Amino acid sequence: MAPGAKAKDRRGQPKGTTSVISVLQTKDHNARSVTTDLHQLLLNVFRNAFSSRFPLDTSLIQQVKQHLYNREFEKAFGCRDYLEAYAVRWSSCRALGYANIFVDISEHLHCDSQRADTSNMADAGAGNSSGDLDAREGMSQSSASADGAFDVVCLGGGAGAEIVGLAGFLHHLRASTTKLKVTAVDVADWSTVVHALGVNVTTAPPLSKYASEKAKAANTPLVCGDDYSVTFYQCDLLGADTDRLGYLVHGSNLITLMFTLNELYASSVPRTTKFLLSLGSLVRSGTLLLVVDSPGSYSTIELTSSGSSGSGTAKTEKRYPMHWLLDHTLIGTPSKDTPDRHQPRWRKLLSDNSRWFRLPDGLLYPTELENMRYQIHLYEFA
């Protein structure tokens, strides 16, 4: 769970509803163009998708928290009750922060250009045989999928925050012609959660049978189903072979690792390093990699090295910031001894070791919400 100040309840709100109060500071990095109304719409998606979970069973939440604290992830994400409780309690507020993040980095995404690229490629390929496929693909290395969608692969994104956050980002771009194709990948089986959220972002929310005709006419989905699609794949990223990883990320425009990389490092630094290096051989030029995770001491990785001493072999433990290991792996600095070390082709577009997303005033949600402190790093494959 991301560290952050818990939002306090506002007095005078209807029973069972939490309103969030924020104290904005100069170091906050909220995307001001993401409105409170849009944030509320995102919360409504979770409320409608999992309406049977309210009021939230606090004992269920405590069970999930205890499993997470003990790093018993198979238990924490091992049943539908736990998965839905996690999505309702934690994915909901993260989705708001993620929507802001996607708006923040939108200048690097160039979503609108993807459809133009694809249209040009289709025109140039008209009448050609399948044998010309490679030539057509080469016309635009950064082009989107065949239907003109901007292809996003969310590694570790089964809990749904990325799915709803991206839908909020697309809603924010209403005047554009952008389409999003989202693939959520996770080691646990989040398929029911992903399906429920995918349906609710593309379906108009339920109305009272007494709703006026005006209300009915104004009732529209968060995003159009023709412009937004979601697929879920269950996969152990550190255990997957190159073919499986290639199937997942090949052709993607954006790959996200949001509050996931630190857990991968905690599982195995060597396997995580190998996984990150493999991405460079599987993605195309122009692919973006977005890493968001807990900041500071919450994301430090311990490495053990062996060396000689007077009494024999000694082991030394050192702790490194996650972002340092990430840069060392993706960008690196060839030394005199290893001038061609893995020849990295990633370049960093954006990096900040600590930011706050603070919830705006007036949000209504039937359970507790939290602000989000995070670090963010954005890379592009050359």
Protein backbone atom coordinates (compact mmCIF):
# COMPACT_ATOMS: atom_id res chain seq x y z
CA MET A 1 0.00 0.00 0.00
CA ALA A 2 1.28 3.46 -0.82
CA PRO A 3 2.21 5.52 2.23
CA GLY A 4 0.22 8.67 2.66
CA ALA A 5 -1.92 10.66 5.05
CA LYS A 6 -5.33 9.17 5.56
CA ALA A 7 -8.15 11.45 4.52
CA LYS A 8 -10.41 12.57 7.32
CA ASP A 9 -14.20 12.36 7.27
CA ARG A 10 -16.10 15.59 6.89
CA ARG A 11 -18.80 16.18 9.48
CA GLY A 12 -22.37 16.42 8.30
CA GLN A 13 -22.14 13.99 5.37
CA PRO A 14 -24.76 11.27 4.89
CA LYS A 15 -24.15 8.16 6.97
CA GLY A 16 -21.82 5.69 5.28
CA THR A 17 -20.27 8.30 2.99
CA THR A 18 -16.75 9.64 3.30
CA SER A 19 -15.84 13.11 2.07
CA VAL A 20 -12.16 13.82 1.60
CA ILE A 21 -10.47 17.00 2.80
CA SER A 22 -7.03 17.90 1.51
CA VAL A 23 -4.35 20.38 2.50
CA LEU A 24 -2.49 21.35 -0.65
CA GLN A 25 1.20 22.14 -0.34
CA THR A 26 3.65 23.61 -2.81
CA LYS A 27 5.29 20.21 -3.37
CA ASP A 28 2.03 18.60 -4.47
CA HIS A 29 1.94 17.55 -8.08
CA ASN A 30 -1.77 17.26 -8.80
CA ALA A 31 -2.86 17.68 -12.39
CA ARG A 32 -5.21 20.62 -11.93
CA SER A 33 -6.97 19.90 -15.22
CA VAL A 34 -8.33 16.64 -13.78
CA THR A 35 -11.53 17.88 -12.22
CA THR A 36 -13.13 16.80 -8.98
CA ASP A 37 -16.16 15.76 -11.03
CA LEU A 38 -14.01 13.34 -13.02
CA HIS A 39 -12.45 11.96 -9.85
CA GLN A 40 -15.96 11.36 -8.52
CA LEU A 41 -16.92 9.52 -11.71
CA LEU A 42 -13.96 7.19 -11.22
CA LEU A 43 -15.01 6.43 -7.65
CA ASN A 44 -18.53 5.76 -8.92
CA VAL A 45 -17.14 3.07 -11.21
CA PHE A 46 -15.82 1.13 -8.21
CA ARG A 47 -18.99 1.73 -6.22
CA ASN A 48 -21.17 0.44 -9.05
CA ALA A 49 -18.88 -2.45 -10.02
CA PHE A 50 -18.78 -3.81 -6.47
CA SER A 51 -22.01 -2.51 -4.97
CA SER A 52 -22.50 -5.74 -3.01
CA ARG A 53 -19.31 -4.99 -1.06
CA PHE A 54 -20.81 -1.94 0.66
CA PRO A 55 -20.79 -1.37 3.52
CA LEU A 56 -17.27 -2.76 3.45
CA ASP A 57 -16.53 -5.68 5.75
CA THR A 58 -13.75 -4.30 7.97
CA SER A 59 -12.74 -7.77 9.16
CA LEU A 60 -12.18 -8.77 5.54
CA ILE A 61 -9.98 -5.73 5.00
CA GLN A 62 -7.98 -6.58 8.10
CA GLN A 63 -7.40 -10.11 6.83
CA VAL A 64 -6.08 -8.79 3.51
CA LYS A 65 -3.85 -6.24 5.30
CA GLN A 66 -2.40 -8.93 7.55
CA HIS A 67 -1.57 -11.19 4.60
CA LEU A 68 0.06 -8.28 2.80
CA TYR A 69 2.04 -7.32 5.89
CA ASN A 70 3.29 -10.90 6.14
CA ARG A 71 4.06 -10.87 2.39
CA GLU A 72 1.67 -13.77 1.94
CA PHE A 73 0.56 -12.63 -1.49
CA GLU A 74 -0.90 -15.94 -2.58
CA LYS A 75 -3.25 -15.77 0.40
CA ALA A 76 -3.94 -12.04 0.07
CA PHE A 77 -4.99 -12.46 -3.55
CA GLY A 78 -6.18 -16.02 -3.34
CA CYS A 79 -9.96 -15.63 -3.30
CA ARG A 80 -12.59 -13.43 -4.90
CA ASP A 81 -13.66 -11.83 -1.62
CA TYR A 82 -10.12 -10.62 -0.96
CA LEU A 83 -9.61 -9.39 -4.53
CA GLU A 84 -12.80 -7.34 -4.58
CA ALA A 85 -12.16 -5.97 -1.10
CA TYR A 86 -8.66 -4.87 -2.17
CA ALA A 87 -10.04 -3.19 -5.31
CA VAL A 88 -12.73 -1.34 -3.38
CA ARG A 89 -10.44 -0.21 -0.56
CA TRP A 90 -7.12 0.56 -2.28
CA SER A 91 -7.45 0.47 -6.08
CA SER A 92 -10.20 3.11 -5.96
CA CYS A 93 -8.06 5.94 -4.57
CA ARG A 94 -5.02 4.88 -6.58
CA ALA A 95 -7.09 5.12 -9.75
CA LEU A 96 -7.60 8.83 -9.07
CA GLY A 97 -3.87 9.38 -8.67
CA TYR A 98 -3.13 7.33 -11.76
CA ALA A 99 -5.53 9.40 -13.86
CA ASN A 100 -3.59 12.49 -12.79
CA ILE A 101 -0.29 10.81 -13.64
CA PHE A 102 -1.43 9.89 -17.15
CA VAL A 103 -2.56 13.48 -17.72
CA ASP A 104 0.78 14.71 -16.36
CA ILE A 105 2.77 12.65 -18.88
CA SER A 106 0.34 13.11 -21.80
CA GLU A 107 2.83 15.31 -23.65
CA HIS A 108 5.04 12.22 -24.02
CA LEU A 109 2.26 9.84 -25.08
CA HIS A 110 1.23 11.36 -28.44
CA CYS A 111 -1.96 9.31 -28.39
CA ASP A 112 -3.64 11.20 -31.22
CA SER A 113 -0.73 10.57 -33.60
CA GLN A 114 -1.19 6.82 -33.29
CA ARG A 115 -4.40 6.72 -35.32
CA ALA A 116 -2.91 8.88 -38.06
CA ASP A 117 0.09 6.58 -38.23
CA THR A 118 -2.14 3.53 -38.49
CA SER A 119 -4.34 5.13 -41.14
CA ASN A 120 -1.32 5.99 -43.27
CA MET A 121 0.03 2.48 -42.88
CA ALA A 122 -3.28 0.95 -43.91
CA ASP A 123 -3.49 3.16 -47.01
CA ALA A 124 0.04 2.28 -48.04
CA GLY A 125 -0.65 -1.42 -47.51
CA ALA A 126 -3.86 -1.59 -49.53
CA GLY A 127 -3.68 -4.31 -52.14
CA ASN A 128 -0.42 -5.74 -50.80
CA SER A 129 -0.03 -9.40 -49.96
CA SER A 130 0.73 -10.72 -46.48
CA GLY A 131 4.34 -11.04 -47.56
CA ASP A 132 4.62 -7.23 -47.35
CA LEU A 133 3.72 -7.19 -43.66
CA ASP A 134 7.23 -6.38 -42.45
CA ALA A 135 7.51 -3.49 -44.88
CA ARG A 136 4.22 -2.02 -43.75
CA GLU A 137 5.16 -2.36 -40.08
CA GLY A 138 8.44 -0.61 -40.79
CA MET A 139 6.65 2.48 -42.07
CA SER A 140 5.81 3.56 -38.53
CA GLN A 141 7.63 1.98 -35.63
CA SER A 142 5.54 3.92 -33.13
CA SER A 143 2.18 3.20 -34.75
CA ALA A 144 -0.70 1.77 -32.80
CA SER A 145 -2.53 -1.51 -33.16
CA ALA A 146 -4.48 -2.39 -36.30
CA ASP A 147 -7.66 -0.70 -35.07
CA GLY A 148 -5.83 2.56 -34.38
CA ALA A 149 -5.75 2.14 -30.61
CA PHE A 150 -2.96 3.29 -28.33
CA ASP A 151 -1.73 0.04 -26.81
CA VAL A 152 -1.06 0.05 -23.04
CA VAL A 153 0.26 -3.00 -21.16
CA CYS A 154 -0.12 -2.74 -17.38
CA LEU A 155 2.29 -5.19 -15.76
CA GLY A 156 1.04 -5.96 -12.27
CA GLY A 157 -2.17 -4.13 -13.15
CA GLY A 158 -4.78 -6.72 -12.26
CA ALA A 159 -6.17 -4.83 -9.26
CA GLY A 160 -7.86 -2.35 -11.57
CA ALA A 161 -6.41 1.04 -10.63
CA GLU A 162 -4.64 1.39 -13.98
CA ILE A 163 -7.78 0.28 -15.85
CA VAL A 164 -9.97 2.95 -14.28
CA GLY A 165 -7.21 5.56 -14.26
CA LEU A 166 -6.67 5.12 -17.99
CA ALA A 167 -10.42 5.35 -18.59
CA GLY A 168 -10.37 8.62 -16.67
CA PHE A 169 -7.48 9.81 -18.83
CA LEU A 170 -9.44 8.94 -21.97
CA HIS A 171 -12.49 10.76 -20.62
CA HIS A 172 -10.24 13.78 -20.02
CA LEU A 173 -9.31 13.65 -23.74
CA ARG A 174 -12.92 13.75 -24.90
CA ALA A 175 -12.21 16.14 -27.76
CA SER A 176 -9.56 13.83 -29.22
CA THR A 177 -9.89 10.77 -31.45
CA THR A 178 -7.84 8.57 -29.13
CA LYS A 179 -8.63 4.90 -28.61
CA LEU A 180 -7.06 2.87 -25.83
CA LYS A 181 -6.38 -0.85 -25.83
CA VAL A 182 -5.45 -1.93 -22.31
CA THR A 183 -3.91 -5.25 -21.31
CA ALA A 184 -3.70 -5.96 -17.58
CA VAL A 185 -1.15 -8.60 -16.54
CA ASP A 186 -0.86 -10.07 -13.06
CA VAL A 187 0.30 -13.22 -11.28
CA ALA A 188 -3.02 -13.59 -9.41
CA ASP A 189 -6.31 -14.26 -11.17
CA TRP A 190 -7.91 -10.81 -11.22
CA SER A 191 -10.12 -11.65 -14.21
CA THR A 192 -13.43 -11.07 -12.41
CA VAL A 193 -12.28 -7.69 -11.07
CA VAL A 194 -10.95 -6.62 -14.47
CA HIS A 195 -14.18 -7.69 -16.17
CA ALA A 196 -16.38 -5.86 -13.66
CA LEU A 197 -14.41 -2.62 -13.99
CA GLY A 198 -14.16 -2.91 -17.78
CA VAL A 199 -17.93 -3.25 -18.04
CA ASN A 200 -18.60 -0.34 -15.70
CA VAL A 201 -16.29 2.16 -17.42
CA THR A 202 -18.04 1.49 -20.75
CA THR A 203 -21.63 1.24 -19.47
CA ALA A 204 -23.85 4.08 -18.29
CA PRO A 205 -24.28 3.96 -14.49
CA PRO A 206 -27.58 2.70 -13.09
CA LEU A 207 -30.32 5.24 -12.46
CA SER A 208 -33.31 5.24 -10.18
CA LYS A 209 -36.54 4.17 -11.84
CA TYR A 210 -37.83 7.61 -10.87
CA ALA A 211 -35.08 9.43 -12.79
CA SER A 212 -36.27 12.24 -15.04
CA GLU A 213 -36.02 12.09 -18.80
CA LYS A 214 -33.38 14.80 -18.61
CA ALA A 215 -31.30 12.70 -16.22
CA LYS A 216 -31.68 9.66 -18.44
CA ALA A 217 -30.56 11.61 -21.50
CA ALA A 218 -27.50 12.91 -19.66
CA ASN A 219 -26.55 9.48 -18.31
CA THR A 220 -23.60 8.29 -20.37
CA PRO A 221 -20.71 5.87 -19.74
CA LEU A 222 -17.33 7.14 -18.61
CA VAL A 223 -15.88 6.12 -21.99
CA CYS A 224 -17.29 4.67 -25.19
CA GLY A 225 -16.87 0.93 -25.62
CA ASP A 226 -15.70 1.50 -29.21
CA ASP A 227 -12.79 3.57 -27.91
CA TYR A 228 -11.72 1.51 -24.91
CA SER A 229 -11.04 -2.19 -24.48
CA VAL A 230 -9.55 -4.23 -21.62
CA THR A 231 -8.00 -7.71 -21.64
CA PHE A 232 -6.56 -9.65 -18.71
CA TYR A 233 -3.68 -12.14 -18.80
CA GLN A 234 -2.54 -14.13 -15.79
CA CYS A 235 1.25 -14.40 -15.87
CA ASP A 236 4.20 -14.61 -13.48
CA LEU A 237 6.47 -11.95 -14.94
CA LEU A 238 9.62 -13.33 -13.35
CA GLY A 239 8.81 -16.90 -14.37
CA ALA A 240 7.68 -16.21 -17.92
CA ASP A 241 9.92 -17.12 -20.84
CA THR A 242 10.89 -14.68 -23.55
CA ASP A 243 8.18 -15.85 -25.93
CA ARG A 244 5.45 -15.23 -23.36
CA LEU A 245 6.78 -11.80 -22.43
CA GLY A 246 7.18 -10.94 -26.10
CA TYR A 247 3.57 -11.86 -26.76
CA LEU A 248 2.46 -9.51 -23.99
CA VAL A 249 4.58 -6.42 -24.74
CA HIS A 250 5.34 -6.62 -28.46
CA GLY A 251 3.57 -3.79 -30.25
CA SER A 252 2.82 -1.84 -27.07
CA ASN A 253 3.05 1.94 -27.00
CA LEU A 254 3.22 2.19 -23.21
CA ILE A 255 4.22 -0.35 -20.56
CA THR A 256 3.42 0.45 -16.93
CA LEU A 257 4.87 -0.92 -13.70
CA MET A 258 2.83 0.86 -11.02
CA PHE A 259 3.59 -0.13 -7.42
CA THR A 260 4.90 -3.41 -8.84
CA LEU A 261 8.65 -3.10 -9.46
CA ASN A 262 9.60 -2.87 -5.80
CA GLU A 263 7.72 -6.11 -5.12
CA LEU A 264 9.52 -7.79 -8.02
CA TYR A 265 12.88 -6.66 -6.64
CA ALA A 266 11.90 -7.93 -3.19
CA SER A 267 11.14 -11.31 -4.73
CA SER A 268 14.43 -11.59 -6.65
CA VAL A 269 16.87 -8.90 -7.73
CA PRO A 270 18.63 -11.08 -10.34
CA ARG A 271 15.37 -12.26 -11.94
CA THR A 272 13.92 -8.75 -11.94
CA THR A 273 17.09 -7.39 -13.55
CA LYS A 274 16.89 -10.11 -16.20
CA PHE A 275 13.22 -9.27 -16.79
CA LEU A 276 13.95 -5.55 -17.24
CA LEU A 277 16.83 -6.26 -19.61
CA SER A 278 14.64 -8.57 -21.68
CA LEU A 279 12.15 -5.79 -22.33
CA GLY A 280 14.75 -4.06 -24.49
CA SER A 281 14.85 -7.04 -26.84
CA LEU A 282 11.07 -7.36 -27.05
CA VAL A 283 9.72 -3.83 -27.58
CA ARG A 284 9.96 -1.57 -30.59
CA SER A 285 11.49 1.86 -30.94
CA GLY A 286 9.37 4.54 -29.30
CA THR A 287 7.86 2.30 -26.65
CA LEU A 288 7.48 4.05 -23.30
CA LEU A 289 8.06 2.48 -19.89
CA LEU A 290 6.37 4.14 -16.90
CA VAL A 291 7.47 3.14 -13.39
CA VAL A 292 5.56 4.42 -10.37
CA ASP A 293 6.27 3.14 -6.89
CA SER A 294 6.59 4.02 -3.21
CA PRO A 295 9.26 6.66 -2.55
CA GLY A 296 12.25 6.87 -0.26
CA SER A 297 13.00 4.14 2.25
CA TYR A 298 9.90 2.20 1.18
CA SER A 299 11.75 1.30 -2.03
CA THR A 300 15.29 0.42 -1.07
CA ILE A 301 16.77 -2.86 -2.24
CA GLU A 302 19.31 -4.85 -0.26
CA LEU A 303 22.17 -6.45 -2.20
CA THR A 304 24.72 -8.87 -0.76
CA SER A 305 28.23 -9.13 -2.18
CA SER A 306 31.09 -11.43 -1.24
CA GLY A 307 34.72 -10.43 -0.78
CA SER A 308 37.96 -11.67 0.74
CA SER A 309 39.08 -10.80 4.23
CA GLY A 310 41.83 -11.92 6.56
CA SER A 311 39.58 -14.60 8.03
CA GLY A 312 38.25 -15.83 4.70
CA THR A 313 35.21 -14.82 2.66
CA ALA A 314 33.14 -11.93 4.01
CA LYS A 315 29.67 -10.86 2.91
CA THR A 316 28.76 -7.22 2.64
CA GLU A 317 25.19 -5.96 2.52
CA LYS A 318 24.38 -2.66 0.88
CA ARG A 319 21.04 -0.95 0.31
CA TYR A 320 20.29 0.87 -2.93
CA PRO A 321 17.34 3.05 -3.94
CA MET A 322 15.05 1.29 -6.38
CA HIS A 323 15.44 4.09 -8.93
CA TRP A 324 19.24 3.67 -8.85
CA LEU A 325 18.97 -0.03 -9.73
CA LEU A 326 16.41 0.80 -12.39
CA ASP A 327 18.67 3.38 -14.04
CA HIS A 328 21.68 1.09 -13.75
CA THR A 329 19.78 -1.67 -15.55
CA LEU A 330 18.02 0.34 -18.25
CA ILE A 331 20.56 3.06 -18.93
CA GLY A 332 23.79 1.96 -17.26
CA THR A 333 27.26 3.40 -17.71
CA PRO A 334 29.71 1.22 -19.66
CA SER A 335 33.04 1.01 -17.88
CA LYS A 336 36.56 0.57 -19.25
CA ASP A 337 36.35 -3.13 -18.50
CA THR A 338 32.90 -3.64 -20.02
CA PRO A 339 32.46 -1.00 -22.74
CA ASP A 340 29.66 -2.91 -24.44
CA ARG A 341 27.70 -3.84 -21.32
CA HIS A 342 24.23 -4.82 -22.63
CA GLN A 343 24.24 -1.69 -24.83
CA PRO A 344 21.15 -0.06 -23.31
CA ARG A 345 18.85 1.85 -25.63
CA TRP A 346 16.49 3.33 -23.05
CA ARG A 347 16.57 7.05 -22.38
CA LYS A 348 14.95 8.80 -19.45
CA LEU A 349 12.27 11.37 -20.21
CA LEU A 350 11.06 12.14 -16.70
CA SER A 351 12.15 11.36 -13.14
CA ASP A 352 10.99 12.51 -9.73
CA ASN A 353 11.85 10.67 -6.52
CA SER A 354 8.94 12.04 -4.49
CA ARG A 355 5.56 13.47 -5.40
CA TRP A 356 2.22 13.77 -3.65
CA PHE A 357 -1.22 13.22 -5.08
CA ARG A 358 -3.70 14.68 -2.64
CA LEU A 359 -7.39 14.02 -2.93
CA PRO A 360 -9.60 17.04 -3.62
CA ASP A 361 -12.36 18.23 -1.34
CA GLY A 362 -15.87 16.88 -1.63
CA LEU A 363 -15.38 13.34 -2.93
CA LEU A 364 -18.11 10.93 -1.81
CA TYR A 365 -17.28 7.27 -1.30
CA PRO A 366 -18.61 4.74 1.21
CA THR A 367 -15.21 3.87 2.68
CA GLU A 368 -11.87 5.43 3.58
CA LEU A 369 -9.69 7.06 0.93
CA GLU A 370 -6.00 7.93 1.12
CA ASN A 371 -3.62 10.39 -0.48
CA MET A 372 -0.77 8.89 -2.49
CA ARG A 373 2.94 9.63 -2.28
CA TYR A 374 5.01 8.16 -5.08
CA GLN A 375 8.14 8.26 -7.22
CA ILE A 376 7.83 8.36 -10.99
CA HIS A 377 10.23 7.51 -13.83
CA LEU A 378 9.43 7.52 -17.55
CA TYR A 379 11.72 5.96 -20.18
CA GLU A 380 11.60 5.65 -23.95
CA PHE A 381 13.19 2.88 -25.98
CA ALA A 382 15.27 4.42 -28.75
